[in-house]
Amino acid sequence: MVRGEPIPDFDELFGEPAEAEPSPIPVYQLATASAAKDRAGADSAAIRYRFIARPEASDPSPPMARILRGGGGRGGATRLKLYLSLLWLARNRNLDRPVFGYPAQQLAALLGLPNPENAGARRVQDALRWLATRVHLLDDAGSGLPYQPAGSLAARAARRSRKDREQHFYVQLDAQFWTRGWVTALSGAAVAMYLACLYEQRGQPDAPVWVSPRMGRERYDLSDETRNKGLRELTDQGLLDLARRPVPATSFDERFRARNVYMLRPGAWGKGPRQPPAPDSLTGSIDPW
């Protein structure tokens, strides 16, 4: 938001009507996300490859993993979801350094945090301090440079080498991640692994995805526990389909080997979460990711 521009008033969205049917997603989250989509005018968030994965195992940890881990302790899921939300809100901004003026309580409502006007707002403020993006949104590739939209830079870099261009390649996270309440329902591990699966597809939406434990550690710097938890949750929620595929046999090896592969189901976003939100996605009291 440009300095001086009026801030949309979402205060009336924080209260749930008494007659509303019980739902795992707070009514104020769905209403706030709808208003945010109208404001952002974006059908998806653009997230750079370099935010999700590192090119080489010897490279520094990618921003996604650093945000999840932080300095230890809780808050990783909130930081990741908040940062993705800022990328979504910045998608159609033409400013080189987008400035946001949304109060913390509105961002807390967008994430579906409990008590967004008080405890939820404090969690957002803590996350913003950690991210150091309270005033300006920095490059999501982790360079520390001012943020610029990934799409326009990728187009401008069309004549450069693939290595130079790839730093601006990106995946797209559907706006229904917010407007259907998935941002509240999914744990930080599930969000991270969905982004990893999008990265593995490299723009081929029908391609099966395989993320081995070694890939999880070397490419994404995520623990085996985070990988397993995230993939299991995405499968349970219907966002991934699990299948078994044979592994090519080596010479003189008659044993049958198979691996788990996953197919993304982007149409599942519109159906909304199947289950109540994961405990850590709301409170951070069980698993910080």
C-alpha atoms as a PDB file:
ATOM      1  CA  MET A   1       0.000   0.000   0.000  1.00  0.00           C
ATOM      2  CA  VAL A   2       1.306   3.459  -0.893  1.00  0.00           C
ATOM      3  CA  ARG A   3       1.834   5.780   2.057  1.00  0.00           C
ATOM      4  CA  GLY A   4      -1.196   7.994   2.608  1.00  0.00           C
ATOM      5  CA  GLU A   5      -3.578   5.624   0.811  1.00  0.00           C
ATOM      6  CA  PRO A   6      -6.685   4.792   2.894  1.00  0.00           C
ATOM      7  CA  ILE A   7      -6.503   1.498   4.764  1.00  0.00           C
ATOM      8  CA  PRO A   8      -9.515  -0.791   4.231  1.00  0.00           C
ATOM      9  CA  ASP A   9     -11.527  -1.229   7.431  1.00  0.00           C
ATOM     10  CA  PHE A  10     -11.944  -4.923   8.205  1.00  0.00           C
ATOM     11  CA  ASP A  11     -12.998  -4.426  11.849  1.00  0.00           C
ATOM     12  CA  GLU A  12     -16.557  -5.510  11.165  1.00  0.00           C
ATOM     13  CA  LEU A  13     -15.254  -8.800   9.802  1.00  0.00           C
ATOM     14  CA  PHE A  14     -13.816  -9.988  13.105  1.00  0.00           C
ATOM     15  CA  GLY A  15     -17.082 -11.054  14.713  1.00  0.00           C
ATOM     16  CA  GLU A  16     -18.783 -14.342  13.785  1.00  0.00           C
ATOM     17  CA  PRO A  17     -22.592 -14.249  13.609  1.00  0.00           C
ATOM     18  CA  ALA A  18     -24.250 -16.380  16.290  1.00  0.00           C
ATOM     19  CA  GLU A  19     -26.308 -18.269  13.744  1.00  0.00           C
ATOM     20  CA  ALA A  20     -23.292 -19.347  11.672  1.00  0.00           C
ATOM     21  CA  GLU A  21     -22.766 -23.105  11.338  1.00  0.00           C
ATOM     22  CA  PRO A  22     -19.663 -24.498  13.062  1.00  0.00           C
ATOM     23  CA  SER A  23     -16.658 -24.377  10.757  1.00  0.00           C
ATOM     24  CA  PRO A  24     -12.954 -25.219  11.143  1.00  0.00           C
ATOM     25  CA  ILE A  25     -12.176 -21.904   9.422  1.00  0.00           C
ATOM     26  CA  PRO A  26     -13.197 -18.681  11.219  1.00  0.00           C
ATOM     27  CA  VAL A  27     -15.751 -16.587   9.342  1.00  0.00           C
ATOM     28  CA  TYR A  28     -13.565 -13.515   9.820  1.00  0.00           C
ATOM     29  CA  GLN A  29     -10.700 -15.243   7.979  1.00  0.00           C
ATOM     30  CA  LEU A  30     -12.807 -16.018   4.908  1.00  0.00           C
ATOM     31  CA  ALA A  31     -14.302 -12.529   4.824  1.00  0.00           C
ATOM     32  CA  THR A  32     -10.933 -10.827   5.285  1.00  0.00           C
ATOM     33  CA  ALA A  33      -9.352 -12.952   2.550  1.00  0.00           C
ATOM     34  CA  SER A  34     -12.171 -12.028   0.163  1.00  0.00           C
ATOM     35  CA  ALA A  35     -11.617  -8.340   0.883  1.00  0.00           C
ATOM     36  CA  ALA A  36      -7.841  -8.767   0.514  1.00  0.00           C
ATOM     37  CA  LYS A  37      -8.297 -10.430  -2.884  1.00  0.00           C
ATOM     38  CA  ASP A  38     -10.389  -7.482  -4.058  1.00  0.00           C
ATOM     39  CA  ARG A  39      -7.656  -5.151  -2.862  1.00  0.00           C
ATOM     40  CA  ALA A  40      -4.752  -7.153  -4.315  1.00  0.00           C
ATOM     41  CA  GLY A  41      -6.458  -7.979  -7.604  1.00  0.00           C
ATOM     42  CA  ALA A  42      -4.283 -11.110  -7.909  1.00  0.00           C
ATOM     43  CA  ASP A  43      -5.406 -14.667  -8.600  1.00  0.00           C
ATOM     44  CA  SER A  44      -2.154 -16.108  -7.283  1.00  0.00           C
ATOM     45  CA  ALA A  45       1.078 -15.311  -5.472  1.00  0.00           C
ATOM     46  CA  ALA A  46       4.355 -15.552  -7.401  1.00  0.00           C
ATOM     47  CA  ILE A  47       7.051 -17.283  -5.350  1.00  0.00           C
ATOM     48  CA  ARG A  48      10.559 -17.524  -6.744  1.00  0.00           C
ATOM     49  CA  TYR A  49      12.314 -20.850  -7.124  1.00  0.00           C
ATOM     50  CA  ARG A  50      15.203 -19.519  -5.038  1.00  0.00           C
ATOM     51  CA  PHE A  51      12.849 -18.838  -2.129  1.00  0.00           C
ATOM     52  CA  ILE A  52      11.925 -22.519  -2.023  1.00  0.00           C
ATOM     53  CA  ALA A  53      15.099 -24.382  -3.003  1.00  0.00           C
ATOM     54  CA  ARG A  54      18.828 -23.888  -3.247  1.00  0.00           C
ATOM     55  CA  PRO A  55      20.649 -24.734  -6.494  1.00  0.00           C
ATOM     56  CA  GLU A  56      23.388 -26.751  -4.757  1.00  0.00           C
ATOM     57  CA  ALA A  57      23.500 -28.632  -1.467  1.00  0.00           C
ATOM     58  CA  SER A  58      26.520 -26.557  -0.447  1.00  0.00           C
ATOM     59  CA  ASP A  59      24.633 -23.267  -0.914  1.00  0.00           C
ATOM     60  CA  PRO A  60      23.115 -21.431   2.064  1.00  0.00           C
ATOM     61  CA  SER A  61      19.746 -22.604   3.316  1.00  0.00           C
ATOM     62  CA  PRO A  62      16.897 -21.227   1.141  1.00  0.00           C
ATOM     63  CA  PRO A  63      14.671 -18.514   2.658  1.00  0.00           C
ATOM     64  CA  MET A  64      11.704 -20.875   3.109  1.00  0.00           C
ATOM     65  CA  ALA A  65      13.662 -23.158   5.444  1.00  0.00           C
ATOM     66  CA  ARG A  66      15.209 -20.225   7.307  1.00  0.00           C
ATOM     67  CA  ILE A  67      11.782 -18.694   7.876  1.00  0.00           C
ATOM     68  CA  LEU A  68      10.388 -21.974   9.187  1.00  0.00           C
ATOM     69  CA  ARG A  69      13.278 -22.547  11.574  1.00  0.00           C
ATOM     70  CA  GLY A  70      13.930 -18.990  12.624  1.00  0.00           C
ATOM     71  CA  GLY A  71      16.155 -18.873  15.656  1.00  0.00           C
ATOM     72  CA  GLY A  72      14.470 -21.921  17.152  1.00  0.00           C
ATOM     73  CA  GLY A  73      11.229 -22.084  19.068  1.00  0.00           C
ATOM     74  CA  ARG A  74       7.758 -21.363  17.785  1.00  0.00           C
ATOM     75  CA  GLY A  75       6.403 -19.073  15.115  1.00  0.00           C
ATOM     76  CA  GLY A  76       7.790 -20.578  11.914  1.00  0.00           C
ATOM     77  CA  ALA A  77       4.392 -21.403  10.402  1.00  0.00           C
ATOM     78  CA  THR A  78       3.092 -17.890  11.114  1.00  0.00           C
ATOM     79  CA  ARG A  79       6.196 -16.295   9.585  1.00  0.00           C
ATOM     80  CA  LEU A  80       5.959 -18.413   6.425  1.00  0.00           C
ATOM     81  CA  LYS A  81       2.232 -17.823   5.916  1.00  0.00           C
ATOM     82  CA  LEU A  82       2.618 -14.115   6.589  1.00  0.00           C
ATOM     83  CA  TYR A  83       5.459 -13.739   4.108  1.00  0.00           C
ATOM     84  CA  LEU A  84       3.527 -15.612   1.428  1.00  0.00           C
ATOM     85  CA  SER A  85       0.576 -13.328   2.130  1.00  0.00           C
ATOM     86  CA  LEU A  86       2.748 -10.255   1.570  1.00  0.00           C
ATOM     87  CA  LEU A  87       3.929 -11.728  -1.741  1.00  0.00           C
ATOM     88  CA  TRP A  88       0.294 -12.223  -2.740  1.00  0.00           C
ATOM     89  CA  LEU A  89      -0.651  -8.658  -1.815  1.00  0.00           C
ATOM     90  CA  ALA A  90       2.399  -7.371  -3.744  1.00  0.00           C
ATOM     91  CA  ARG A  91       1.692  -9.407  -6.914  1.00  0.00           C
ATOM     92  CA  ASN A  92       0.208  -6.589  -8.989  1.00  0.00           C
ATOM     93  CA  ARG A  93       2.090  -3.660  -7.505  1.00  0.00           C
ATOM     94  CA  ASN A  94       4.260  -1.685  -9.894  1.00  0.00           C
ATOM     95  CA  LEU A  95       6.367  -0.141  -7.156  1.00  0.00           C
ATOM     96  CA  ASP A  96       9.925  -1.389  -6.856  1.00  0.00           C
ATOM     97  CA  ARG A  97       9.603  -1.445  -3.083  1.00  0.00           C
ATOM     98  CA  PRO A  98       5.962  -2.042  -2.067  1.00  0.00           C
ATOM     99  CA  VAL A  99       4.980  -0.367   1.195  1.00  0.00           C
ATOM    100  CA  PHE A 100       2.217  -1.900   3.288  1.00  0.00           C
ATOM    101  CA  GLY A 101       0.083  -0.081   5.821  1.00  0.00           C
ATOM    102  CA  TYR A 102      -2.188  -2.896   6.938  1.00  0.00           C
ATOM    103  CA  PRO A 103      -2.565  -3.075  10.736  1.00  0.00           C
ATOM    104  CA  ALA A 104      -1.342  -6.269  12.366  1.00  0.00           C
ATOM    105  CA  GLN A 105      -4.888  -7.235  13.348  1.00  0.00           C
ATOM    106  CA  GLN A 106      -5.954  -7.306   9.708  1.00  0.00           C
ATOM    107  CA  LEU A 107      -3.031  -9.539   8.762  1.00  0.00           C
ATOM    108  CA  ALA A 108      -3.821 -11.770  11.745  1.00  0.00           C
ATOM    109  CA  ALA A 109      -7.416 -12.067  10.505  1.00  0.00           C
ATOM    110  CA  LEU A 110      -6.154 -12.914   7.011  1.00  0.00           C
ATOM    111  CA  LEU A 111      -4.149 -15.814   8.477  1.00  0.00           C
ATOM    112  CA  GLY A 112      -7.102 -16.903  10.623  1.00  0.00           C
ATOM    113  CA  LEU A 113      -5.166 -16.544  13.879  1.00  0.00           C
ATOM    114  CA  PRO A 114      -7.275 -16.749  17.047  1.00  0.00           C
ATOM    115  CA  ASN A 115      -8.127 -13.438  18.708  1.00  0.00           C
ATOM    116  CA  PRO A 116      -6.806 -11.319  15.790  1.00  0.00           C
ATOM    117  CA  GLU A 117      -7.289  -8.010  17.577  1.00  0.00           C
ATOM    118  CA  ASN A 118      -4.983  -8.916  20.470  1.00  0.00           C
ATOM    119  CA  ALA A 119      -2.979 -12.161  20.715  1.00  0.00           C
ATOM    120  CA  GLY A 120      -3.135 -12.737  16.956  1.00  0.00           C
ATOM    121  CA  ALA A 121      -1.910  -9.212  16.242  1.00  0.00           C
ATOM    122  CA  ARG A 122       1.017  -9.700  18.631  1.00  0.00           C
ATOM    123  CA  ARG A 123       2.025 -12.878  16.801  1.00  0.00           C
ATOM    124  CA  VAL A 124       1.975 -10.991  13.496  1.00  0.00           C
ATOM    125  CA  GLN A 125       4.065  -8.173  14.980  1.00  0.00           C
ATOM    126  CA  ASP A 126       6.608 -10.700  16.249  1.00  0.00           C
ATOM    127  CA  ALA A 127       6.737 -12.301  12.798  1.00  0.00           C
ATOM    128  CA  LEU A 128       7.149  -8.947  11.060  1.00  0.00           C
ATOM    129  CA  ARG A 129      10.006  -8.000  13.344  1.00  0.00           C
ATOM    130  CA  TRP A 130      11.730 -11.273  12.525  1.00  0.00           C
ATOM    131  CA  LEU A 131      11.143 -10.876   8.795  1.00  0.00           C
ATOM    132  CA  ALA A 132      12.250  -7.247   8.879  1.00  0.00           C
ATOM    133  CA  THR A 133       9.528  -6.436   6.342  1.00  0.00           C
ATOM    134  CA  ARG A 134       7.385  -4.152   8.435  1.00  0.00           C
ATOM    135  CA  VAL A 135       8.039  -1.271   6.051  1.00  0.00           C
ATOM    136  CA  HIS A 136       9.463  -2.737   2.844  1.00  0.00           C
ATOM    137  CA  LEU A 137       9.126  -6.161   1.255  1.00  0.00           C
ATOM    138  CA  LEU A 138      12.559  -7.463   0.262  1.00  0.00           C
ATOM    139  CA  ASP A 139      13.524  -9.851  -2.522  1.00  0.00           C
ATOM    140  CA  ASP A 140      12.023 -13.282  -1.831  1.00  0.00           C
ATOM    141  CA  ALA A 141      15.119 -14.986  -3.235  1.00  0.00           C
ATOM    142  CA  GLY A 142      16.864 -13.896  -0.027  1.00  0.00           C
ATOM    143  CA  SER A 143      19.359 -11.518  -1.617  1.00  0.00           C
ATOM    144  CA  GLY A 144      18.389  -8.606   0.641  1.00  0.00           C
ATOM    145  CA  LEU A 145      17.739  -6.432  -2.408  1.00  0.00           C
ATOM    146  CA  PRO A 146      14.461  -4.518  -2.821  1.00  0.00           C
ATOM    147  CA  TYR A 147      11.536  -6.638  -3.983  1.00  0.00           C
ATOM    148  CA  GLN A 148      10.518  -6.615  -7.632  1.00  0.00           C
ATOM    149  CA  PRO A 149       7.762  -8.759  -9.168  1.00  0.00           C
ATOM    150  CA  ALA A 150       9.162 -12.052 -10.435  1.00  0.00           C
ATOM    151  CA  GLY A 151       7.149 -12.229 -13.651  1.00  0.00           C
ATOM    152  CA  SER A 152       8.310  -8.977 -15.204  1.00  0.00           C
ATOM    153  CA  LEU A 153      11.956  -9.685 -14.372  1.00  0.00           C
ATOM    154  CA  ALA A 154      11.774 -13.190 -15.851  1.00  0.00           C
ATOM    155  CA  ALA A 155      10.439 -11.720 -19.080  1.00  0.00           C
ATOM    156  CA  ARG A 156      13.159  -9.065 -19.157  1.00  0.00           C
ATOM    157  CA  ALA A 157      15.846 -11.714 -18.628  1.00  0.00           C
ATOM    158  CA  ALA A 158      14.721 -13.827 -21.609  1.00  0.00           C
ATOM    159  CA  ARG A 159      17.990 -13.280 -23.501  1.00  0.00           C
ATOM    160  CA  ARG A 160      20.261 -14.024 -20.561  1.00  0.00           C
ATOM    161  CA  SER A 161      21.738 -17.390 -19.606  1.00  0.00           C
ATOM    162  CA  ARG A 162      19.473 -19.932 -17.930  1.00  0.00           C
ATOM    163  CA  LYS A 163      21.341 -19.489 -14.651  1.00  0.00           C
ATOM    164  CA  ASP A 164      20.656 -15.740 -14.700  1.00  0.00           C
ATOM    165  CA  ARG A 165      17.043 -16.264 -15.706  1.00  0.00           C
ATOM    166  CA  GLU A 166      16.294 -18.980 -13.183  1.00  0.00           C
ATOM    167  CA  GLN A 167      16.683 -16.613 -10.246  1.00  0.00           C
ATOM    168  CA  HIS A 168      13.457 -14.969 -11.450  1.00  0.00           C
ATOM    169  CA  PHE A 169      11.535 -18.164 -12.292  1.00  0.00           C
ATOM    170  CA  TYR A 170       8.625 -18.738  -9.959  1.00  0.00           C
ATOM    171  CA  VAL A 171       5.739 -20.980  -8.953  1.00  0.00           C
ATOM    172  CA  GLN A 172       2.205 -19.723  -8.445  1.00  0.00           C
ATOM    173  CA  LEU A 173       0.194 -20.302  -5.271  1.00  0.00           C
ATOM    174  CA  ASP A 174      -3.529 -20.022  -5.976  1.00  0.00           C
ATOM    175  CA  ALA A 175      -5.442 -17.219  -4.232  1.00  0.00           C
ATOM    176  CA  GLN A 176      -7.845 -19.885  -2.928  1.00  0.00           C
ATOM    177  CA  PHE A 177      -5.074 -20.767  -0.489  1.00  0.00           C
ATOM    178  CA  TRP A 178      -6.388 -17.686   1.317  1.00  0.00           C
ATOM    179  CA  THR A 179      -9.985 -17.309   0.176  1.00  0.00           C
ATOM    180  CA  ARG A 180     -10.918 -20.928   0.996  1.00  0.00           C
ATOM    181  CA  GLY A 181      -9.174 -20.953   4.368  1.00  0.00           C
ATOM    182  CA  TRP A 182      -6.246 -23.227   3.573  1.00  0.00           C
ATOM    183  CA  VAL A 183      -3.828 -20.678   5.032  1.00  0.00           C
ATOM    184  CA  THR A 184      -5.445 -21.392   8.407  1.00  0.00           C
ATOM    185  CA  ALA A 185      -5.936 -25.135   8.030  1.00  0.00           C
ATOM    186  CA  LEU A 186      -2.484 -26.239   6.855  1.00  0.00           C
ATOM    187  CA  SER A 187       0.579 -26.566   9.051  1.00  0.00           C
ATOM    188  CA  GLY A 188       3.847 -24.887   8.144  1.00  0.00           C
ATOM    189  CA  ALA A 189       5.265 -28.264   7.098  1.00  0.00           C
ATOM    190  CA  ALA A 190       2.370 -28.839   4.675  1.00  0.00           C
ATOM    191  CA  VAL A 191       2.710 -25.377   3.141  1.00  0.00           C
ATOM    192  CA  ALA A 192       6.457 -25.845   2.672  1.00  0.00           C
ATOM    193  CA  MET A 193       6.056 -29.259   1.062  1.00  0.00           C
ATOM    194  CA  TYR A 194       3.328 -28.018  -1.295  1.00  0.00           C
ATOM    195  CA  LEU A 195       5.710 -25.304  -2.493  1.00  0.00           C
ATOM    196  CA  ALA A 196       8.425 -27.947  -2.855  1.00  0.00           C
ATOM    197  CA  CYS A 197       6.087 -30.066  -5.001  1.00  0.00           C
ATOM    198  CA  LEU A 198       5.297 -27.061  -7.203  1.00  0.00           C
ATOM    199  CA  TYR A 199       9.024 -26.469  -7.597  1.00  0.00           C
ATOM    200  CA  GLU A 200       9.620 -30.105  -8.556  1.00  0.00           C
ATOM    201  CA  GLN A 201       7.050 -29.822 -11.341  1.00  0.00           C
ATOM    202  CA  ARG A 202       8.950 -26.931 -12.974  1.00  0.00           C
ATOM    203  CA  GLY A 203       5.840 -25.654 -14.729  1.00  0.00           C
ATOM    204  CA  GLN A 204       4.592 -29.104 -15.841  1.00  0.00           C
ATOM    205  CA  PRO A 205       1.273 -29.394 -13.960  1.00  0.00           C
ATOM    206  CA  ASP A 206       0.666 -33.057 -14.827  1.00  0.00           C
ATOM    207  CA  ALA A 207       4.128 -34.271 -13.881  1.00  0.00           C
ATOM    208  CA  PRO A 208       4.370 -36.682 -10.915  1.00  0.00           C
ATOM    209  CA  VAL A 209       6.524 -35.496  -8.050  1.00  0.00           C
ATOM    210  CA  TRP A 210       9.082 -37.450  -6.077  1.00  0.00           C
ATOM    211  CA  VAL A 211      10.797 -35.856  -3.075  1.00  0.00           C
ATOM    212  CA  SER A 212      13.217 -38.270  -1.438  1.00  0.00           C
ATOM    213  CA  PRO A 213      14.545 -37.725   2.101  1.00  0.00           C
ATOM    214  CA  ARG A 214      17.917 -36.822   0.600  1.00  0.00           C
ATOM    215  CA  MET A 215      16.318 -34.237  -1.713  1.00  0.00           C
ATOM    216  CA  GLY A 216      14.397 -32.815   1.222  1.00  0.00           C
ATOM    217  CA  ARG A 217      17.616 -32.222   3.108  1.00  0.00           C
ATOM    218  CA  GLU A 218      19.961 -31.192   0.298  1.00  0.00           C
ATOM    219  CA  ARG A 219      17.625 -29.140  -1.906  1.00  0.00           C
ATOM    220  CA  TYR A 220      15.201 -27.663   0.604  1.00  0.00           C
ATOM    221  CA  ASP A 221      17.132 -28.010   3.888  1.00  0.00           C
ATOM    222  CA  LEU A 222      14.052 -29.536   5.528  1.00  0.00           C
ATOM    223  CA  SER A 223      14.198 -32.356   8.038  1.00  0.00           C
ATOM    224  CA  ASP A 224      12.812 -35.822   7.340  1.00  0.00           C
ATOM    225  CA  GLU A 225      10.143 -35.163   9.988  1.00  0.00           C
ATOM    226  CA  THR A 226       8.991 -31.969   8.254  1.00  0.00           C
ATOM    227  CA  ARG A 227       8.979 -33.697   4.855  1.00  0.00           C
ATOM    228  CA  ASN A 228       6.991 -36.698   6.086  1.00  0.00           C
ATOM    229  CA  LYS A 229       4.527 -34.644   8.084  1.00  0.00           C
ATOM    230  CA  GLY A 230       3.886 -32.200   5.261  1.00  0.00           C
ATOM    231  CA  LEU A 231       3.372 -34.840   2.548  1.00  0.00           C
ATOM    232  CA  ARG A 232       1.114 -36.934   4.778  1.00  0.00           C
ATOM    233  CA  GLU A 233      -1.043 -33.913   5.645  1.00  0.00           C
ATOM    234  CA  LEU A 234      -1.344 -32.803   2.007  1.00  0.00           C
ATOM    235  CA  THR A 235      -2.420 -36.330   1.034  1.00  0.00           C
ATOM    236  CA  ASP A 236      -4.967 -36.506   3.858  1.00  0.00           C
ATOM    237  CA  GLN A 237      -6.382 -33.150   2.784  1.00  0.00           C
ATOM    238  CA  GLY A 238      -6.768 -34.245  -0.834  1.00  0.00           C
ATOM    239  CA  LEU A 239      -4.241 -31.768  -2.237  1.00  0.00           C
ATOM    240  CA  LEU A 240      -1.937 -34.616  -3.315  1.00  0.00           C
ATOM    241  CA  ASP A 241      -2.650 -38.071  -4.714  1.00  0.00           C
ATOM    242  CA  LEU A 242      -0.223 -40.788  -3.637  1.00  0.00           C
ATOM    243  CA  ALA A 243       0.875 -43.564  -6.003  1.00  0.00           C
ATOM    244  CA  ARG A 244       3.618 -46.179  -6.112  1.00  0.00           C
ATOM    245  CA  ARG A 245       5.924 -46.281  -9.117  1.00  0.00           C
ATOM    246  CA  PRO A 246       8.577 -48.933  -9.830  1.00  0.00           C
ATOM    247  CA  VAL A 247      12.214 -47.936  -9.564  1.00  0.00           C
ATOM    248  CA  PRO A 248      14.339 -49.047 -12.551  1.00  0.00           C
ATOM    249  CA  ALA A 249      16.231 -52.188 -11.576  1.00  0.00           C
ATOM    250  CA  THR A 250      19.998 -52.332 -11.660  1.00  0.00           C
ATOM    251  CA  SER A 251      21.884 -55.124 -13.423  1.00  0.00           C
ATOM    252  CA  PHE A 252      21.322 -58.619 -11.975  1.00  0.00           C
ATOM    253  CA  ASP A 253      18.893 -57.338  -9.332  1.00  0.00           C
ATOM    254  CA  GLU A 254      15.581 -59.205  -9.335  1.00  0.00           C
ATOM    255  CA  ARG A 255      14.121 -57.441  -6.321  1.00  0.00           C
ATOM    256  CA  PHE A 256      11.117 -55.219  -6.960  1.00  0.00           C
ATOM    257  CA  ARG A 257      11.553 -51.684  -5.715  1.00  0.00           C
ATOM    258  CA  ALA A 258       8.976 -48.902  -5.729  1.00  0.00           C
ATOM    259  CA  ARG A 259       8.857 -45.313  -4.566  1.00  0.00           C
ATOM    260  CA  ASN A 260       6.081 -42.958  -3.520  1.00  0.00           C
ATOM    261  CA  VAL A 261       5.199 -40.338  -6.120  1.00  0.00           C
ATOM    262  CA  TYR A 262       2.645 -37.578  -5.783  1.00  0.00           C
ATOM    263  CA  MET A 263       0.274 -35.861  -8.184  1.00  0.00           C
ATOM    264  CA  LEU A 264      -0.855 -32.353  -7.324  1.00  0.00           C
ATOM    265  CA  ARG A 265      -4.592 -31.698  -7.417  1.00  0.00           C
ATOM    266  CA  PRO A 266      -4.939 -27.935  -7.953  1.00  0.00           C
ATOM    267  CA  GLY A 267      -8.712 -28.269  -8.302  1.00  0.00           C
ATOM    268  CA  ALA A 268      -8.881 -29.331  -4.646  1.00  0.00           C
ATOM    269  CA  TRP A 269      -8.214 -25.759  -3.488  1.00  0.00           C
ATOM    270  CA  GLY A 270     -11.803 -24.798  -4.321  1.00  0.00           C
ATOM    271  CA  LYS A 271     -13.299 -27.530  -2.128  1.00  0.00           C
ATOM    272  CA  GLY A 272     -11.815 -26.168   1.075  1.00  0.00           C
ATOM    273  CA  PRO A 273     -10.081 -28.126   3.853  1.00  0.00           C
ATOM    274  CA  ARG A 274     -11.426 -31.586   4.690  1.00  0.00           C
ATOM    275  CA  GLN A 275     -10.385 -31.588   8.317  1.00  0.00           C
ATOM    276  CA  PRO A 276     -10.136 -29.152  11.210  1.00  0.00           C
ATOM    277  CA  PRO A 277      -6.976 -27.032  11.216  1.00  0.00           C
ATOM    278  CA  ALA A 278      -3.812 -28.727  12.430  1.00  0.00           C
ATOM    279  CA  PRO A 279      -3.146 -27.666  16.075  1.00  0.00           C
ATOM    280  CA  ASP A 280       0.192 -26.048  15.247  1.00  0.00           C
ATOM    281  CA  SER A 281      -1.335 -24.073  12.348  1.00  0.00           C
ATOM    282  CA  LEU A 282      -3.418 -22.099  14.842  1.00  0.00           C
ATOM    283  CA  THR A 283      -1.492 -21.970  18.079  1.00  0.00           C
ATOM    284  CA  GLY A 284       2.055 -23.126  17.453  1.00  0.00           C
ATOM    285  CA  SER A 285       1.823 -24.953  20.791  1.00  0.00           C
ATOM    286  CA  ILE A 286       2.523 -28.491  19.553  1.00  0.00           C
ATOM    287  CA  ASP A 287       4.872 -28.298  16.578  1.00  0.00           C
ATOM    288  CA  PRO A 288       6.519 -24.977  15.655  1.00  0.00           C
ATOM    289  CA  TRP A 289       6.325 -25.880  11.934  1.00  0.00           C
END
